[in-house]
């Protein structure tokens, strides 16, 4: 059967959202899929990914894409983050058409921050590099707050009035991103801005995955305050901290024997240039 490959336009988003809800993850509502695809930051995006339609015009496959423009070493880089990928079983032979359509777009650096196990070797053959995702699991404990040793805030006004430069722009760009949680750690005149998302492990939604840490040294100093906040205020039992994000293995943690892969493809960028902002990880909770 001939299938048509086409960019996902704004008009297509509701149909694609229903398709992904029904065929990929029904815990994510169609409304949540729609919100995720339409990113809150400003970017000139060519599409929302690519879709497959059958002869009757029904969506039978989709590969989402999240676009952004980042400044790295003084240069503006255009990123395409590969998101959810789903094709009906009877049409799986055509799955690669979606990936090839995305990668055929010139002028982009590509990231894939949640590839399934079967996608990883395929990405590798297509020139993707695997990031070091060594991850520590640390239990969140109700540490008592010691006056004068640091503060924790999630107040939007405090964040707006404290953050500066790139951190302030990151905050403003992500306040509308559904999966992000924003925390400000302060000690004296220093601050550490933390972005995390809640994640499932063994189908239990009690984990915080750290996506961004602006000041790793201060984060380590205030780690107990942060983790106590996660437990007491949000009922989050454990923290998942990639060492490339937090800088050093947290206290009282253990290293996970196996971690979820994250990958990128670029002609000249290095692993140190890749972070998890402006991506599916910030826009979609699953």
Protein backbone atom coordinates (compact mmCIF):
# COMPACT_ATOMS: atom_id res chain seq x y z
CA UNK A 1 0.00 0.00 0.00
CA UNK A 2 1.36 3.43 -0.94
CA UNK A 3 1.69 5.70 2.06
CA UNK A 4 2.21 9.43 1.94
CA UNK A 5 4.90 11.10 4.04
CA UNK A 6 4.20 14.73 4.93
CA UNK A 7 5.30 17.36 7.46
CA UNK A 8 3.11 17.68 10.54
CA UNK A 9 1.50 21.10 10.30
CA UNK A 10 -0.45 22.91 13.00
CA UNK A 11 -3.64 21.70 11.32
CA UNK A 12 -2.44 18.09 11.63
CA UNK A 13 -1.59 18.29 15.33
CA UNK A 14 -5.01 17.23 16.75
CA UNK A 15 -5.15 14.11 14.55
CA UNK A 16 -1.54 13.20 15.38
CA UNK A 17 -2.24 13.74 19.09
CA UNK A 18 -5.21 11.35 18.98
CA UNK A 19 -3.13 8.80 17.07
CA UNK A 20 -0.32 8.88 19.65
CA UNK A 21 -2.78 8.69 22.56
CA UNK A 22 -4.49 5.64 21.05
CA UNK A 23 -1.43 3.81 19.76
CA UNK A 24 1.65 4.84 21.76
CA UNK A 25 0.80 5.98 25.30
CA UNK A 26 -2.77 6.32 26.51
CA UNK A 27 -1.60 7.76 29.83
CA UNK A 28 -0.87 10.94 27.87
CA UNK A 29 -4.14 12.59 26.89
CA UNK A 30 -4.65 13.96 23.37
CA UNK A 31 -4.68 17.44 24.91
CA UNK A 32 -1.30 16.79 26.55
CA UNK A 33 0.15 15.55 23.25
CA UNK A 34 -1.12 18.70 21.53
CA UNK A 35 0.37 20.98 24.17
CA UNK A 36 3.72 19.19 24.06
CA UNK A 37 4.10 19.48 20.30
CA UNK A 38 3.45 23.22 20.28
CA UNK A 39 6.54 24.33 22.20
CA UNK A 40 6.39 27.43 24.45
CA UNK A 41 9.68 29.01 23.33
CA UNK A 42 10.07 31.18 20.26
CA UNK A 43 11.44 29.34 17.25
CA UNK A 44 10.92 29.29 13.51
CA UNK A 45 10.04 25.61 13.12
CA UNK A 46 9.53 24.09 9.66
CA UNK A 47 7.09 21.49 11.04
CA UNK A 48 6.22 19.46 14.14
CA UNK A 49 7.77 16.32 12.68
CA UNK A 50 6.51 14.03 9.93
CA UNK A 51 3.50 11.75 9.52
CA UNK A 52 2.33 8.84 7.42
CA UNK A 53 -1.16 8.75 5.91
CA UNK A 54 -2.87 5.79 4.23
CA UNK A 55 -4.87 5.96 1.01
CA UNK A 56 -7.95 7.11 2.96
CA UNK A 57 -6.04 9.99 4.58
CA UNK A 58 -5.91 8.46 8.06
CA UNK A 59 -2.77 8.96 10.18
CA UNK A 60 -0.99 5.61 10.49
CA UNK A 61 2.40 6.84 11.72
CA UNK A 62 4.09 9.88 13.21
CA UNK A 63 7.53 11.02 14.34
CA UNK A 64 7.47 14.21 16.41
CA UNK A 65 10.19 16.86 16.32
CA UNK A 66 10.97 19.70 18.72
CA UNK A 67 12.94 22.59 17.25
CA UNK A 68 15.04 25.26 18.94
CA UNK A 69 17.78 27.77 18.31
CA UNK A 70 20.69 27.82 20.76
CA UNK A 71 23.82 29.92 21.07
CA UNK A 72 26.97 27.80 21.44
CA UNK A 73 30.42 29.38 21.45
CA UNK A 74 28.90 32.58 20.15
CA UNK A 75 27.20 30.93 17.18
CA UNK A 76 23.50 30.29 16.65
CA UNK A 77 22.79 26.60 16.13
CA UNK A 78 19.52 25.09 14.99
CA UNK A 79 18.47 21.92 16.80
CA UNK A 80 15.95 19.26 15.91
CA UNK A 81 15.11 17.01 18.87
CA UNK A 82 13.57 13.72 17.75
CA UNK A 83 10.55 12.89 19.88
CA UNK A 84 7.87 10.20 19.98
CA UNK A 85 7.91 7.75 17.05
CA UNK A 86 4.97 5.44 16.38
CA UNK A 87 3.81 3.53 13.29
CA UNK A 88 0.98 1.00 13.16
CA UNK A 89 2.31 -2.59 13.00
CA UNK A 90 0.99 -3.27 9.51
CA UNK A 91 2.93 -0.27 8.20
CA UNK A 92 6.22 -0.69 10.10
CA UNK A 93 8.05 -1.32 6.83
CA UNK A 94 7.59 2.40 6.11
CA UNK A 95 8.85 3.62 9.51
CA UNK A 96 12.26 4.64 8.20
CA UNK A 97 10.64 7.07 5.77
CA UNK A 98 9.79 9.29 8.73
CA UNK A 99 13.29 9.23 10.17
CA UNK A 100 14.89 9.88 6.78
CA UNK A 101 12.56 12.83 6.20
CA UNK A 102 13.62 14.39 9.50
CA UNK A 103 17.34 13.81 8.98
CA UNK A 104 17.18 15.11 5.41
CA UNK A 105 16.55 18.62 6.74
CA UNK A 106 19.69 20.69 6.19
CA UNK A 107 21.28 22.97 8.76
CA UNK A 108 20.26 21.13 11.93
CA UNK A 109 22.04 19.39 14.75
CA UNK A 110 19.95 16.42 15.91
CA UNK A 111 19.31 14.98 19.35
CA UNK A 112 17.42 11.86 20.39
CA UNK A 113 17.05 11.92 24.16
CA UNK A 114 14.64 9.01 24.64
CA UNK A 115 15.35 6.39 21.96
CA UNK A 116 13.93 2.92 22.48
CA UNK A 117 16.29 -0.04 22.59
CA UNK A 118 15.66 -0.94 18.96
CA UNK A 119 16.28 2.62 17.78
CA UNK A 120 19.75 2.96 19.37
CA UNK A 121 21.63 0.70 16.90
CA UNK A 122 19.75 2.30 14.00
CA UNK A 123 20.79 5.77 15.18
CA UNK A 124 24.38 4.58 15.54
CA UNK A 125 24.43 3.43 11.92
CA UNK A 126 23.13 6.87 10.91
CA UNK A 127 25.98 8.71 12.63
CA UNK A 128 24.56 9.43 16.08
CA UNK A 129 26.88 9.52 19.09
CA UNK A 130 25.89 8.17 22.50
CA UNK A 131 26.13 10.54 25.47
CA UNK A 132 27.58 9.40 28.79
CA UNK A 133 24.42 8.97 30.85
CA UNK A 134 25.99 7.51 33.99
CA UNK A 135 23.23 8.07 36.56
CA UNK A 136 23.14 8.05 40.35
CA UNK A 137 20.00 7.16 42.30
CA UNK A 138 19.73 8.99 45.62
CA UNK A 139 16.91 8.54 48.15
CA UNK A 140 15.14 11.72 49.20
CA UNK A 141 15.16 12.04 52.97
CA UNK A 142 13.44 14.57 55.28
CA UNK A 143 16.59 16.41 56.30
CA UNK A 144 15.92 19.17 58.85
CA UNK A 145 16.43 22.71 57.59
CA UNK A 146 19.35 24.49 59.22
CA UNK A 147 18.74 28.26 59.40
CA UNK A 148 21.22 30.33 57.41
CA UNK A 149 22.62 27.44 55.37
CA UNK A 150 20.52 27.98 52.27
CA UNK A 151 17.00 28.42 51.00
CA UNK A 152 14.73 26.66 48.52
CA UNK A 153 12.08 28.51 46.52
CA UNK A 154 9.68 27.71 43.70
CA UNK A 155 7.99 31.11 43.77
CA UNK A 156 7.76 32.50 40.20
CA UNK A 157 8.31 36.09 41.36
CA UNK A 158 11.44 35.09 43.26
CA UNK A 159 12.76 33.19 40.26
CA UNK A 160 12.10 36.15 37.94
CA UNK A 161 13.78 38.61 40.32
CA UNK A 162 16.81 36.41 41.06
CA UNK A 163 17.77 34.73 37.80
CA UNK A 164 19.96 36.63 35.37
CA UNK A 165 21.32 36.29 31.84
CA UNK A 166 20.92 32.92 30.16
CA UNK A 167 19.25 31.41 33.24
CA UNK A 168 16.49 33.99 33.14
CA UNK A 169 15.90 33.34 29.44
CA UNK A 170 15.84 29.58 30.01
CA UNK A 171 13.29 30.06 32.79
CA UNK A 172 11.04 32.26 30.67
CA UNK A 173 11.28 29.86 27.74
CA UNK A 174 10.32 26.85 29.87
CA UNK A 175 7.66 28.15 32.27
CA UNK A 176 5.06 26.94 29.79
CA UNK A 177 6.74 23.56 29.22
CA UNK A 178 4.47 20.95 30.76
CA UNK A 179 7.14 18.57 32.08
CA UNK A 180 9.45 21.07 33.76
CA UNK A 181 9.62 21.88 37.48
CA UNK A 182 11.68 24.90 38.53
CA UNK A 183 13.57 25.29 41.81
CA UNK A 184 15.83 28.06 43.05
CA UNK A 185 18.51 27.25 45.64
CA UNK A 186 20.17 30.25 47.27
CA UNK A 187 22.93 30.85 49.78
CA UNK A 188 23.98 34.41 50.45
CA UNK A 189 24.27 36.17 47.11
CA UNK A 190 24.72 32.93 45.15
CA UNK A 191 22.02 30.91 43.44
CA UNK A 192 21.62 27.58 41.69
CA UNK A 193 18.75 27.18 39.25
CA UNK A 194 17.50 23.61 38.92
CA UNK A 195 15.07 22.16 36.39
CA UNK A 196 13.76 18.66 36.91
CA UNK A 197 10.97 16.43 35.62
CA UNK A 198 9.09 13.61 37.31
CA UNK A 199 9.67 10.16 35.84
CA UNK A 200 8.49 6.60 36.21
CA UNK A 201 10.62 3.63 37.08
CA UNK A 202 9.00 0.19 37.16
CA UNK A 203 5.75 2.11 36.53
CA UNK A 204 6.12 4.07 39.79
CA UNK A 205 5.88 7.88 39.38
CA UNK A 206 8.09 8.77 42.34
CA UNK A 207 11.35 9.91 40.74
CA UNK A 208 12.81 13.31 39.89
CA UNK A 209 15.17 13.40 36.90
CA UNK A 210 17.49 16.41 36.95
CA UNK A 211 17.58 18.17 33.57
CA UNK A 212 19.56 21.32 34.34
CA UNK A 213 21.79 22.61 37.13
CA UNK A 214 23.23 26.10 36.72
CA UNK A 215 25.79 25.90 39.55
CA UNK A 216 26.88 22.31 40.35
CA UNK A 217 29.07 23.33 43.29
CA UNK A 218 26.23 25.08 45.08
CA UNK A 219 23.87 22.27 44.16
CA UNK A 220 26.13 19.81 45.98
CA UNK A 221 26.23 22.07 49.02
CA UNK A 222 22.43 22.34 49.14
CA UNK A 223 21.62 18.85 47.93
CA UNK A 224 19.97 17.80 51.20
CA UNK A 225 17.72 20.86 51.23
CA UNK A 226 16.70 20.20 47.64
CA UNK A 227 15.98 16.52 48.19
CA UNK A 228 14.02 17.22 51.37
CA UNK A 229 11.94 19.68 49.36
CA UNK A 230 11.22 17.01 46.74
CA UNK A 231 10.07 14.54 49.38
CA UNK A 232 8.13 16.78 51.75
CA UNK A 233 6.50 19.12 49.23
CA UNK A 234 5.96 16.76 46.30
CA UNK A 235 6.14 13.20 47.63
CA UNK A 236 9.03 12.35 45.29
CA UNK A 237 10.95 9.45 46.82
CA UNK A 238 14.23 9.51 44.89
CA UNK A 239 16.42 11.67 42.67
CA UNK A 240 17.93 10.49 39.38
CA UNK A 241 21.06 12.53 38.72
CA UNK A 242 23.19 12.14 35.62
CA UNK A 243 26.78 12.99 36.49
CA UNK A 244 27.16 15.06 33.31
CA UNK A 245 24.33 17.28 34.60
CA UNK A 246 25.05 17.56 38.33
CA UNK A 247 28.83 17.35 38.12
CA UNK A 248 29.52 14.79 40.82
CA UNK A 249 27.89 11.73 42.36
CA UNK A 250 25.44 12.85 45.09
CA UNK A 251 25.90 11.73 48.67
CA UNK A 252 24.16 8.52 49.77
CA UNK A 253 23.57 7.49 46.17
CA UNK A 254 24.25 4.37 44.16
CA UNK A 255 25.13 4.19 40.49
CA UNK A 256 22.54 2.52 38.29
CA UNK A 257 23.88 -0.52 36.43
CA UNK A 258 21.93 0.38 33.29
CA UNK A 259 20.76 3.77 32.08
CA UNK A 260 18.50 5.12 29.37
CA UNK A 261 20.43 6.10 26.25
CA UNK A 262 20.64 9.62 24.89
CA UNK A 263 22.19 10.45 21.52
CA UNK A 264 23.09 13.30 19.17
CA UNK A 265 24.29 13.84 15.61
CA UNK A 266 26.36 16.85 14.61
CA UNK A 267 29.18 17.65 12.24
CA UNK A 268 31.20 19.51 14.87
CA UNK A 269 29.45 19.77 18.24
CA UNK A 270 30.81 17.77 21.18
CA UNK A 271 28.99 16.00 23.99
CA UNK A 272 29.68 18.95 26.32
CA UNK A 273 27.59 21.15 23.99
CA UNK A 274 24.46 19.01 24.38
CA UNK A 275 21.96 19.50 27.19
CA UNK A 276 18.36 18.41 27.77
CA UNK A 277 16.60 21.77 27.50
CA UNK A 278 14.30 22.80 24.64
CA UNK A 279 13.37 19.16 24.04
CA UNK A 280 10.68 16.53 24.42
CA UNK A 281 12.02 15.91 27.95
CA UNK A 282 10.83 19.37 28.97
CA UNK A 283 7.52 19.28 27.11
CA UNK A 284 6.02 15.85 27.67
CA UNK A 285 5.33 13.84 30.83
CA UNK A 286 4.73 10.13 30.32
